[in-house]
C-alpha atoms as a PDB file:
ATOM      1  CA  MET A   1       0.000   0.000   0.000  1.00  0.00           C
ATOM      2  CA  ALA A   2       1.192   3.527  -0.793  1.00  0.00           C
ATOM      3  CA  GLU A   3      -0.055   6.626   1.022  1.00  0.00           C
ATOM      4  CA  ILE A   4       0.643  10.349   0.940  1.00  0.00           C
ATOM      5  CA  ILE A   5      -0.889  12.717   3.513  1.00  0.00           C
ATOM      6  CA  GLN A   6      -0.898  16.475   2.870  1.00  0.00           C
ATOM      7  CA  LYS A   7      -2.825  19.548   3.971  1.00  0.00           C
ATOM      8  CA  ASP A   8      -4.466  19.485   0.542  1.00  0.00           C
ATOM      9  CA  GLY A   9      -5.706  15.932   1.038  1.00  0.00           C
ATOM     10  CA  THR A  10      -4.765  12.276   1.412  1.00  0.00           C
ATOM     11  CA  TRP A  11      -4.256   9.758  -1.382  1.00  0.00           C
ATOM     12  CA  VAL A  12      -4.084   6.024  -0.641  1.00  0.00           C
ATOM     13  CA  PHE A  13      -3.378   3.254  -3.160  1.00  0.00           C
ATOM     14  CA  ASP A  14      -4.074  -0.363  -2.159  1.00  0.00           C
ATOM     15  CA  GLY A  15      -3.159  -2.026  -5.461  1.00  0.00           C
ATOM     16  CA  ASP A  16      -6.704  -2.097  -6.832  1.00  0.00           C
ATOM     17  CA  ALA A  17      -7.971   1.470  -6.384  1.00  0.00           C
ATOM     18  CA  LEU A  18      -6.998   4.957  -5.253  1.00  0.00           C
ATOM     19  CA  ARG A  19      -8.880   6.582  -2.392  1.00  0.00           C
ATOM     20  CA  LEU A  20      -8.796  10.388  -2.722  1.00  0.00           C
ATOM     21  CA  THR A  21      -9.813  12.339   0.375  1.00  0.00           C
ATOM     22  CA  PRO A  22      -9.835  16.168   0.308  1.00  0.00           C
ATOM     23  CA  GLY A  23      -8.018  17.989   3.102  1.00  0.00           C
ATOM     24  CA  ARG A  24      -9.428  20.606   5.461  1.00  0.00           C
ATOM     25  CA  ASP A  25      -7.034  23.345   4.417  1.00  0.00           C
ATOM     26  CA  LYS A  26      -8.630  26.678   3.499  1.00  0.00           C
ATOM     27  CA  ASN A  27      -7.162  26.407  -0.008  1.00  0.00           C
ATOM     28  CA  VAL A  28      -9.141  23.243  -0.809  1.00  0.00           C
ATOM     29  CA  GLY A  29     -11.821  24.157  -3.351  1.00  0.00           C
ATOM     30  CA  LEU A  30     -15.529  24.153  -2.509  1.00  0.00           C
ATOM     31  CA  LEU A  31     -16.310  21.494  -5.118  1.00  0.00           C
ATOM     32  CA  ARG A  32     -13.742  19.064  -3.684  1.00  0.00           C
ATOM     33  CA  ARG A  33     -15.068  19.549  -0.160  1.00  0.00           C
ATOM     34  CA  GLU A  34     -18.639  18.967  -1.310  1.00  0.00           C
ATOM     35  CA  LEU A  35     -17.642  15.982  -3.464  1.00  0.00           C
ATOM     36  CA  GLY A  36     -15.932  14.290  -0.523  1.00  0.00           C
ATOM     37  CA  GLU A  37     -13.987  11.050  -0.773  1.00  0.00           C
ATOM     38  CA  LEU A  38     -13.543   9.437  -4.194  1.00  0.00           C
ATOM     39  CA  LEU A  39     -12.682   5.822  -4.953  1.00  0.00           C
ATOM     40  CA  VAL A  40     -10.989   5.528  -8.351  1.00  0.00           C
ATOM     41  CA  PRO A  41     -10.507   1.949  -9.646  1.00  0.00           C
ATOM     42  CA  LEU A  42      -7.129   1.220 -11.194  1.00  0.00           C
ATOM     43  CA  ARG A  43      -8.759   0.306 -14.515  1.00  0.00           C
ATOM     44  CA  ALA A  44     -10.111   3.874 -14.800  1.00  0.00           C
ATOM     45  CA  LEU A  45      -6.585   5.349 -14.876  1.00  0.00           C
ATOM     46  CA  ALA A  46      -4.685   6.321 -18.001  1.00  0.00           C
ATOM     47  CA  GLY A  47      -1.658   7.612 -16.083  1.00  0.00           C
ATOM     48  CA  ILE A  48      -0.197   9.502 -13.134  1.00  0.00           C
ATOM     49  CA  SER A  49       2.491  12.181 -12.907  1.00  0.00           C
ATOM     50  CA  PHE A  50       4.311  14.311 -10.359  1.00  0.00           C
ATOM     51  CA  GLU A  51       5.617  17.823 -11.042  1.00  0.00           C
ATOM     52  CA  GLN A  52       8.069  19.465  -8.667  1.00  0.00           C
ATOM     53  CA  GLY A  53       8.003  23.192  -7.950  1.00  0.00           C
ATOM     54  CA  LYS A  54       9.976  25.634  -5.822  1.00  0.00           C
ATOM     55  CA  LYS A  55       7.256  26.082  -3.218  1.00  0.00           C
ATOM     56  CA  SER A  56       5.138  22.985  -3.826  1.00  0.00           C
ATOM     57  CA  GLY A  57       4.711  20.096  -6.203  1.00  0.00           C
ATOM     58  CA  ARG A  58       1.627  18.532  -7.716  1.00  0.00           C
ATOM     59  CA  LEU A  59       0.412  14.973  -8.166  1.00  0.00           C
ATOM     60  CA  ARG A  60      -1.926  14.541 -11.127  1.00  0.00           C
ATOM     61  CA  LEU A  61      -4.107  11.643 -12.186  1.00  0.00           C
ATOM     62  CA  ARG A  62      -5.126  11.224 -15.802  1.00  0.00           C
ATOM     63  CA  LEU A  63      -8.321   9.229 -16.229  1.00  0.00           C
ATOM     64  CA  ARG A  64      -9.305   7.300 -19.321  1.00  0.00           C
ATOM     65  CA  ASP A  65     -11.639   9.242 -21.597  1.00  0.00           C
ATOM     66  CA  GLY A  66     -15.259   8.527 -20.719  1.00  0.00           C
ATOM     67  CA  ALA A  67     -14.523   6.902 -17.350  1.00  0.00           C
ATOM     68  CA  ASP A  68     -15.815   9.712 -15.124  1.00  0.00           C
ATOM     69  CA  PRO A  69     -19.187  11.488 -15.520  1.00  0.00           C
ATOM     70  CA  LEU A  70     -17.787  14.579 -13.777  1.00  0.00           C
ATOM     71  CA  LEU A  71     -14.986  15.030 -16.304  1.00  0.00           C
ATOM     72  CA  LEU A  72     -17.377  14.402 -19.188  1.00  0.00           C
ATOM     73  CA  ALA A  73     -19.888  16.993 -17.987  1.00  0.00           C
ATOM     74  CA  THR A  74     -17.208  19.620 -17.307  1.00  0.00           C
ATOM     75  CA  GLY A  75     -15.135  18.997 -20.408  1.00  0.00           C
ATOM     76  CA  GLY A  76     -11.973  18.816 -18.293  1.00  0.00           C
ATOM     77  CA  ARG A  77     -12.297  22.496 -17.348  1.00  0.00           C
ATOM     78  CA  LEU A  78     -12.183  22.165 -13.567  1.00  0.00           C
ATOM     79  CA  THR A  79      -9.607  24.602 -12.217  1.00  0.00           C
ATOM     80  CA  GLU A  80      -6.841  23.659  -9.771  1.00  0.00           C
ATOM     81  CA  PRO A  81      -8.572  24.291  -6.417  1.00  0.00           C
ATOM     82  CA  HIS A  82     -11.607  22.256  -7.494  1.00  0.00           C
ATOM     83  CA  ASP A  83     -10.019  19.428  -9.496  1.00  0.00           C
ATOM     84  CA  PRO A  84     -10.250  16.250  -7.358  1.00  0.00           C
ATOM     85  CA  TYR A  85      -7.539  14.573  -9.457  1.00  0.00           C
ATOM     86  CA  GLN A  86      -4.766  16.939  -8.377  1.00  0.00           C
ATOM     87  CA  LEU A  87      -2.961  17.044  -5.030  1.00  0.00           C
ATOM     88  CA  ALA A  88      -0.614  19.787  -3.811  1.00  0.00           C
ATOM     89  CA  VAL A  89       2.571  18.287  -2.320  1.00  0.00           C
ATOM     90  CA  GLU A  90       4.923  20.021   0.103  1.00  0.00           C
ATOM     91  CA  PRO A  91       8.680  19.925  -0.725  1.00  0.00           C
ATOM     92  CA  ASP A  92       9.554  17.639   2.195  1.00  0.00           C
ATOM     93  CA  ARG A  93       7.238  14.974   0.722  1.00  0.00           C
ATOM     94  CA  TYR A  94       8.595  14.949  -2.834  1.00  0.00           C
ATOM     95  CA  GLY A  95      10.227  11.550  -2.244  1.00  0.00           C
ATOM     96  CA  VAL A  96       6.944  10.094  -1.006  1.00  0.00           C
ATOM     97  CA  ALA A  97       5.138  11.481  -4.060  1.00  0.00           C
ATOM     98  CA  GLU A  98       7.662   9.910  -6.434  1.00  0.00           C
ATOM     99  CA  TYR A  99       7.339   6.566  -4.644  1.00  0.00           C
ATOM    100  CA  PHE A 100       3.536   6.840  -4.894  1.00  0.00           C
ATOM    101  CA  VAL A 101       3.795   7.435  -8.651  1.00  0.00           C
ATOM    102  CA  ASP A 102       6.090   4.421  -9.076  1.00  0.00           C
ATOM    103  CA  GLU A 103       3.678   2.151  -7.194  1.00  0.00           C
ATOM    104  CA  VAL A 104       0.693   3.182  -9.326  1.00  0.00           C
ATOM    105  CA  ARG A 105       2.663   2.944 -12.579  1.00  0.00           C
ATOM    106  CA  ASN A 106       3.946  -0.525 -11.671  1.00  0.00           C
ATOM    107  CA  ALA A 107       0.386  -1.666 -10.969  1.00  0.00           C
ATOM    108  CA  LEU A 108      -0.818  -0.265 -14.306  1.00  0.00           C
ATOM    109  CA  LEU A 109       1.981  -2.155 -16.024  1.00  0.00           C
ATOM    110  CA  LEU A 110       1.465  -5.430 -14.191  1.00  0.00           C
ATOM    111  CA  GLU A 111      -2.308  -5.391 -14.685  1.00  0.00           C
ATOM    112  CA  GLN A 112      -1.850  -4.271 -18.303  1.00  0.00           C
ATOM    113  CA  VAL A 113      -4.484  -1.560 -17.920  1.00  0.00           C
ATOM    114  CA  PRO A 114      -5.075   0.112 -21.323  1.00  0.00           C
ATOM    115  CA  SER A 115      -4.937   3.898 -21.471  1.00  0.00           C
ATOM    116  CA  GLY A 116      -7.515   4.313 -24.228  1.00  0.00           C
ATOM    117  CA  PRO A 117     -11.125   5.527 -23.946  1.00  0.00           C
ATOM    118  CA  VAL A 118     -13.924   3.450 -22.438  1.00  0.00           C
ATOM    119  CA  ASP A 119     -17.544   2.961 -23.485  1.00  0.00           C
ATOM    120  CA  ALA A 120     -19.025   2.782 -19.974  1.00  0.00           C
ATOM    121  CA  TYR A 121     -18.652   4.840 -16.802  1.00  0.00           C
ATOM    122  CA  LEU A 122     -16.081   3.379 -14.404  1.00  0.00           C
ATOM    123  CA  LEU A 123     -16.828   5.809 -11.555  1.00  0.00           C
ATOM    124  CA  PRO A 124     -20.276   5.938  -9.926  1.00  0.00           C
ATOM    125  CA  GLY A 125     -22.622   8.846 -10.336  1.00  0.00           C
ATOM    126  CA  LEU A 126     -23.177  11.348  -7.545  1.00  0.00           C
ATOM    127  CA  SER A 127     -25.978  10.818  -5.057  1.00  0.00           C
ATOM    128  CA  VAL A 128     -29.321  12.583  -5.483  1.00  0.00           C
ATOM    129  CA  PRO A 129     -31.333  14.646  -4.755  1.00  0.00           C
ATOM    130  CA  ARG A 130     -28.963  17.541  -5.386  1.00  0.00           C
ATOM    131  CA  SER A 131     -29.728  21.246  -5.598  1.00  0.00           C
ATOM    132  CA  VAL A 132     -27.487  24.290  -6.156  1.00  0.00           C
ATOM    133  CA  SER A 133     -28.254  28.005  -6.317  1.00  0.00           C
ATOM    134  CA  ALA A 134     -25.774  30.065  -8.354  1.00  0.00           C
ATOM    135  CA  GLY A 135     -25.777  32.626 -11.137  1.00  0.00           C
ATOM    136  CA  ASP A 136     -29.274  33.468 -12.332  1.00  0.00           C
ATOM    137  CA  GLY A 137     -31.009  30.282 -11.188  1.00  0.00           C
ATOM    138  CA  VAL A 138     -31.411  27.223  -9.009  1.00  0.00           C
ATOM    139  CA  ALA A 139     -30.819  23.781 -10.529  1.00  0.00           C
ATOM    140  CA  SER A 140     -32.231  20.697  -8.779  1.00  0.00           C
ATOM    141  CA  PHE A 141     -32.062  17.026  -9.790  1.00  0.00           C
ATOM    142  CA  ASP A 142     -33.878  14.157  -8.072  1.00  0.00           C
ATOM    143  CA  GLY A 143     -32.718  11.341 -10.353  1.00  0.00           C
ATOM    144  CA  GLU A 144     -35.755  11.547 -12.646  1.00  0.00           C
ATOM    145  CA  ALA A 145     -36.041  15.193 -13.679  1.00  0.00           C
ATOM    146  CA  VAL A 146     -34.151  18.488 -13.590  1.00  0.00           C
ATOM    147  CA  ARG A 147     -35.958  21.544 -12.243  1.00  0.00           C
ATOM    148  CA  LEU A 148     -34.753  25.059 -13.081  1.00  0.00           C
ATOM    149  CA  GLU A 149     -36.021  28.015 -11.077  1.00  0.00           C
ATOM    150  CA  TRP A 150     -35.027  31.606 -11.739  1.00  0.00           C
ATOM    151  CA  ARG A 151     -33.609  34.163  -9.343  1.00  0.00           C
ATOM    152  CA  TRP A 152     -34.569  37.807  -9.512  1.00  0.00           C
ATOM    153  CA  GLN A 153     -31.446  38.614 -11.557  1.00  0.00           C
ATOM    154  CA  ALA A 154     -32.573  36.384 -14.456  1.00  0.00           C
ATOM    155  CA  GLU A 155     -33.546  37.934 -17.792  1.00  0.00           C
ATOM    156  CA  GLU A 156     -37.230  38.397 -18.507  1.00  0.00           C
ATOM    157  CA  ALA A 157     -37.058  35.726 -21.224  1.00  0.00           C
ATOM    158  CA  LYS A 158     -36.503  33.199 -18.442  1.00  0.00           C
ATOM    159  CA  SER A 159     -38.460  34.618 -15.519  1.00  0.00           C
ATOM    160  CA  ALA A 160     -41.573  35.214 -17.645  1.00  0.00           C
ATOM    161  CA  ALA A 161     -41.625  31.538 -18.659  1.00  0.00           C
ATOM    162  CA  GLY A 162     -41.476  30.437 -15.016  1.00  0.00           C
ATOM    163  CA  PRO A 163     -39.784  27.337 -13.557  1.00  0.00           C
ATOM    164  CA  ARG A 164     -38.779  24.554 -15.954  1.00  0.00           C
ATOM    165  CA  THR A 165     -39.043  20.800 -15.381  1.00  0.00           C
ATOM    166  CA  LEU A 166     -36.921  18.677 -17.727  1.00  0.00           C
ATOM    167  CA  PRO A 167     -37.579  14.909 -17.523  1.00  0.00           C
ATOM    168  CA  LEU A 168     -34.369  12.892 -17.736  1.00  0.00           C
ATOM    169  CA  ALA A 169     -35.750  11.038 -20.765  1.00  0.00           C
ATOM    170  CA  ASP A 170     -35.891  14.347 -22.679  1.00  0.00           C
ATOM    171  CA  ILE A 171     -32.313  15.383 -21.905  1.00  0.00           C
ATOM    172  CA  VAL A 172     -29.792  14.556 -24.615  1.00  0.00           C
ATOM    173  CA  ALA A 173     -26.684  16.154 -23.107  1.00  0.00           C
ATOM    174  CA  VAL A 174     -25.492  18.304 -20.215  1.00  0.00           C
ATOM    175  CA  GLN A 175     -22.626  20.790 -20.156  1.00  0.00           C
ATOM    176  CA  TRP A 176     -20.960  22.861 -17.438  1.00  0.00           C
ATOM    177  CA  ARG A 177     -18.508  25.615 -18.270  1.00  0.00           C
ATOM    178  CA  PRO A 178     -16.754  27.996 -15.840  1.00  0.00           C
ATOM    179  CA  SER A 179     -16.456  31.743 -16.294  1.00  0.00           C
ATOM    180  CA  GLU A 180     -13.283  32.466 -18.245  1.00  0.00           C
ATOM    181  CA  GLY A 181     -11.845  35.872 -19.023  1.00  0.00           C
ATOM    182  CA  GLY A 182     -14.734  38.201 -19.797  1.00  0.00           C
ATOM    183  CA  ALA A 183     -17.145  35.376 -20.683  1.00  0.00           C
ATOM    184  CA  ASN A 184     -19.697  34.047 -18.210  1.00  0.00           C
ATOM    185  CA  GLY A 185     -20.026  30.342 -17.546  1.00  0.00           C
ATOM    186  CA  HIS A 186     -23.138  28.179 -17.694  1.00  0.00           C
ATOM    187  CA  LEU A 187     -24.894  24.927 -16.872  1.00  0.00           C
ATOM    188  CA  ARG A 188     -26.798  23.959 -20.015  1.00  0.00           C
ATOM    189  CA  PHE A 189     -29.133  21.058 -20.799  1.00  0.00           C
ATOM    190  CA  THR A 190     -29.694  19.998 -24.397  1.00  0.00           C
ATOM    191  CA  VAL A 191     -33.286  18.811 -24.734  1.00  0.00           C
ATOM    192  CA  ARG A 192     -34.938  16.800 -27.508  1.00  0.00           C
ATOM    193  CA  ALA A 193     -36.864  18.841 -30.059  1.00  0.00           C
ATOM    194  CA  ALA A 194     -35.618  22.084 -28.482  1.00  0.00           C
ATOM    195  CA  PRO A 195     -35.224  25.142 -30.717  1.00  0.00           C
ATOM    196  CA  HIS A 196     -31.746  26.242 -31.778  1.00  0.00           C
ATOM    197  CA  LYS A 197     -29.469  27.252 -28.940  1.00  0.00           C
ATOM    198  CA  VAL A 198     -29.458  30.831 -27.726  1.00  0.00           C
ATOM    199  CA  PRO A 199     -26.933  32.408 -25.331  1.00  0.00           C
ATOM    200  CA  PRO A 200     -27.227  30.951 -21.793  1.00  0.00           C
ATOM    201  CA  LYS A 201     -28.368  34.365 -20.576  1.00  0.00           C
ATOM    202  CA  TYR A 202     -31.663  33.871 -22.459  1.00  0.00           C
ATOM    203  CA  ASP A 203     -31.803  30.068 -22.756  1.00  0.00           C
ATOM    204  CA  PRO A 204     -34.616  28.623 -20.536  1.00  0.00           C
ATOM    205  CA  ASN A 205     -32.669  25.331 -20.428  1.00  0.00           C
ATOM    206  CA  ALA A 206     -29.489  26.924 -19.072  1.00  0.00           C
ATOM    207  CA  VAL A 207     -28.310  28.640 -15.902  1.00  0.00           C
ATOM    208  CA  GLU A 208     -25.867  31.481 -16.531  1.00  0.00           C
ATOM    209  CA  LEU A 209     -22.877  31.614 -14.143  1.00  0.00           C
ATOM    210  CA  TRP A 210     -21.014  34.803 -13.269  1.00  0.00           C
ATOM    211  CA  GLY A 211     -17.817  33.537 -11.683  1.00  0.00           C
ATOM    212  CA  PHE A 212     -18.893  33.543  -8.035  1.00  0.00           C
ATOM    213  CA  LYS A 213     -17.992  31.105  -5.260  1.00  0.00           C
ATOM    214  CA  LYS A 214     -20.776  28.544  -5.767  1.00  0.00           C
ATOM    215  CA  ASP A 215     -20.422  28.252  -9.547  1.00  0.00           C
ATOM    216  CA  PRO A 216     -18.311  25.050  -9.351  1.00  0.00           C
ATOM    217  CA  LEU A 217     -21.065  23.311  -7.371  1.00  0.00           C
ATOM    218  CA  MET A 218     -23.247  23.433 -10.489  1.00  0.00           C
ATOM    219  CA  ALA A 219     -20.757  20.930 -11.938  1.00  0.00           C
ATOM    220  CA  LEU A 220     -21.990  18.401  -9.372  1.00  0.00           C
ATOM    221  CA  VAL A 221     -25.546  18.705 -10.692  1.00  0.00           C
ATOM    222  CA  ALA A 222     -24.170  18.278 -14.207  1.00  0.00           C
ATOM    223  CA  ALA A 223     -22.217  15.162 -13.175  1.00  0.00           C
ATOM    224  CA  ALA A 224     -25.241  13.613 -11.427  1.00  0.00           C
ATOM    225  CA  VAL A 225     -27.296  14.007 -14.611  1.00  0.00           C
ATOM    226  CA  GLN A 226     -24.459  12.877 -16.904  1.00  0.00           C
ATOM    227  CA  ALA A 227     -24.042   9.611 -14.980  1.00  0.00           C
ATOM    228  CA  ARG A 228     -27.709   8.747 -15.627  1.00  0.00           C
ATOM    229  CA  LEU A 229     -27.577   9.465 -19.365  1.00  0.00           C
ATOM    230  CA  PRO A 230     -26.449   6.834 -21.893  1.00  0.00           C
ATOM    231  CA  HIS A 231     -22.670   6.826 -22.222  1.00  0.00           C
ATOM    232  CA  PRO A 232     -21.624   8.949 -25.247  1.00  0.00           C
ATOM    233  CA  ALA A 233     -19.501   6.096 -26.641  1.00  0.00           C
ATOM    234  CA  ALA A 234     -22.217   3.452 -26.308  1.00  0.00           C
ATOM    235  CA  ARG A 235     -23.535   2.433 -29.706  1.00  0.00           C
ATOM    236  CA  PRO A 236     -27.116   1.169 -29.979  1.00  0.00           C
ATOM    237  CA  ALA A 237     -27.542  -2.190 -31.666  1.00  0.00           C
ATOM    238  CA  PRO A 238     -28.834  -2.003 -35.276  1.00  0.00           C
ATOM    239  CA  LYS A 239     -32.591  -2.523 -35.603  1.00  0.00           C
ATOM    240  CA  ASP A 240     -32.165  -5.092 -38.376  1.00  0.00           C
ATOM    241  CA  SER A 241     -29.108  -7.217 -37.718  1.00  0.00           C
ATOM    242  CA  ARG A 242     -29.502  -8.974 -41.095  1.00  0.00           C
ATOM    243  CA  ALA A 243     -29.400  -5.654 -42.946  1.00  0.00           C
ATOM    244  CA  ALA A 244     -26.442  -4.559 -40.840  1.00  0.00           C
ATOM    245  CA  ASP A 245     -24.563  -7.734 -41.799  1.00  0.00           C
ATOM    246  CA  GLU A 246     -25.264  -7.142 -45.509  1.00  0.00           C
ATOM    247  CA  THR A 247     -23.995  -3.542 -45.474  1.00  0.00           C
ATOM    248  CA  ALA A 248     -21.067  -4.038 -43.151  1.00  0.00           C
ATOM    249  CA  ALA A 249     -17.573  -3.966 -44.603  1.00  0.00           C
ATOM    250  CA  PRO A 250     -15.798  -7.341 -44.749  1.00  0.00           C
ATOM    251  CA  SER A 251     -13.858  -8.142 -41.607  1.00  0.00           C
ATOM    252  CA  PRO A 252     -10.102  -7.815 -41.914  1.00  0.00           C
ATOM    253  CA  ALA A 253      -8.027 -10.956 -41.731  1.00  0.00           C
ATOM    254  CA  PRO A 254      -6.989 -11.797 -38.170  1.00  0.00           C
ATOM    255  CA  ALA A 255      -3.523 -10.680 -37.210  1.00  0.00           C
ATOM    256  CA  PRO A 256      -0.969 -13.475 -36.860  1.00  0.00           C
ATOM    257  CA  ALA A 257      -0.517 -14.756 -33.340  1.00  0.00           C
ATOM    258  CA  PRO A 258       2.691 -13.707 -31.591  1.00  0.00           C
ATOM    259  CA  ALA A 259       5.469 -16.207 -31.285  1.00  0.00           C
ATOM    260  CA  PRO A 260       4.907 -18.408 -28.201  1.00  0.00           C
ATOM    261  CA  ALA A 261       8.482 -17.959 -27.021  1.00  0.00           C
ATOM    262  CA  ALA A 262       8.206 -14.158 -26.947  1.00  0.00           C
ATOM    263  CA  GLU A 263       4.844 -14.332 -25.178  1.00  0.00           C
ATOM    264  CA  ASP A 264       6.178 -16.725 -22.553  1.00  0.00           C
ATOM    265  CA  ASP A 265       9.200 -14.490 -21.955  1.00  0.00           C
ATOM    266  CA  HIS A 266       6.958 -11.417 -21.540  1.00  0.00           C
ATOM    267  CA  ASP A 267       4.728 -13.245 -19.043  1.00  0.00           C
ATOM    268  CA  ALA A 268       7.773 -14.339 -17.071  1.00  0.00           C
ATOM    269  CA  LEU A 269       8.996 -10.746 -16.843  1.00  0.00           C
ATOM    270  CA  LEU A 270       5.578  -9.584 -15.634  1.00  0.00           C
ATOM    271  CA  ARG A 271       5.598 -12.290 -12.968  1.00  0.00           C
ATOM    272  CA  ARG A 272       9.072 -11.176 -11.912  1.00  0.00           C
ATOM    273  CA  LEU A 273       7.884  -7.571 -11.539  1.00  0.00           C
ATOM    274  CA  ARG A 274       4.980  -8.740  -9.399  1.00  0.00           C
ATOM    275  CA  GLU A 275       7.341 -10.785  -7.215  1.00  0.00           C
ATOM    276  CA  LEU A 276       9.669  -7.800  -6.788  1.00  0.00           C
ATOM    277  CA  GLY A 277       6.736  -5.620  -5.739  1.00  0.00           C
ATOM    278  CA  GLU A 278       5.681  -8.171  -3.112  1.00  0.00           C
ATOM    279  CA  LEU A 279       9.236  -8.441  -1.764  1.00  0.00           C
ATOM    280  CA  HIS A 280       9.463  -4.659  -1.554  1.00  0.00           C
ATOM    281  CA  ARG A 281       6.141  -4.284   0.237  1.00  0.00           C
ATOM    282  CA  SER A 282       7.094  -6.990   2.743  1.00  0.00           C
ATOM    283  CA  GLY A 283      10.381  -5.232   3.542  1.00  0.00           C
ATOM    284  CA  VAL A 284      12.722  -7.878   2.055  1.00  0.00           C
ATOM    285  CA  LEU A 285      13.986  -5.378  -0.558  1.00  0.00           C
ATOM    286  CA  THR A 286      15.005  -1.828   0.274  1.00  0.00           C
ATOM    287  CA  ASP A 287      13.801   1.079  -1.886  1.00  0.00           C
ATOM    288  CA  GLU A 288      17.148   1.206  -3.682  1.00  0.00           C
ATOM    289  CA  GLU A 289      17.304  -2.549  -4.259  1.00  0.00           C
ATOM    290  CA  PHE A 290      13.753  -2.593  -5.558  1.00  0.00           C
ATOM    291  CA  THR A 291      14.411   0.313  -7.953  1.00  0.00           C
ATOM    292  CA  LEU A 292      17.546  -1.294  -9.406  1.00  0.00           C
ATOM    293  CA  ALA A 293      15.882  -4.693  -9.807  1.00  0.00           C
ATOM    294  CA  LYS A 294      12.779  -3.179 -11.403  1.00  0.00           C
ATOM    295  CA  GLN A 295      14.849  -1.162 -13.893  1.00  0.00           C
ATOM    296  CA  ALA A 296      16.755  -4.284 -14.885  1.00  0.00           C
ATOM    297  CA  VAL A 297      13.520  -6.171 -15.623  1.00  0.00           C
ATOM    298  CA  LEU A 298      11.967  -3.231 -17.531  1.00  0.00           C
ATOM    299  CA  LYS A 299      15.035  -2.980 -19.778  1.00  0.00           C
ATOM    300  CA  ARG A 300      14.553  -6.616 -20.800  1.00  0.00           C
ATOM    301  CA  MET A 301      10.953  -5.818 -21.774  1.00  0.00           C
END
């Protein structure tokens, strides 16, 4: 097991998953505090990195595309204080951070976890009901429908129409964007048979965000809805399988199987890496001995 404890939060890796717990420091973003503890399965990871700095370093997780509803709904635009997949590291813990990265990378290698996109969510959706007031409205989601109510600052185009109830079955997509530069952000729902999009300021299916403290919490509503929509990469089965077979392109010839000797050698090296990891965790190998032995095996691969 690998663990790193910082003011910004605590990350623990047990070989199968990473447990990310936000810290209680004042610099921890509101979204991370509200989101709470996250359990990220190893198979949802595409990679991990550590960047050193003069005053502090930063651990970063990179998730596989499509694995997390939160990242899908926000388009990867969560800023540093609110991003749950970043951890600020103090200089006296740089060695611990590098060890943590090595442990996760070794596990990804040993388990042969692919880094490509997925066609199903690998992290669970957020609990409901959930309601947030920010910008020009209040967005609530109970698992079956989204309700939008307007604050007094909303444009007449919205307030005159009154509250909106959007059944989940009518929602095609959801999008959260933060305020950037001089442009306001928004939480927008794309609804079936809706007219062409208008600016969020006038769109009755969108809440306009002005860059205030609670704006990031709207991303949690977006993530809760996203997790209950069909995955964007999921392809529906053709209605007529016979017609699909007739129009489909011929299947390419199967690739030749790898030479058994090379495959056996690769498997043996993977087993050796796993054995080294177990010896290191049990204290038989020191950090230096483990590093040298691991490098020797990786060079042979």
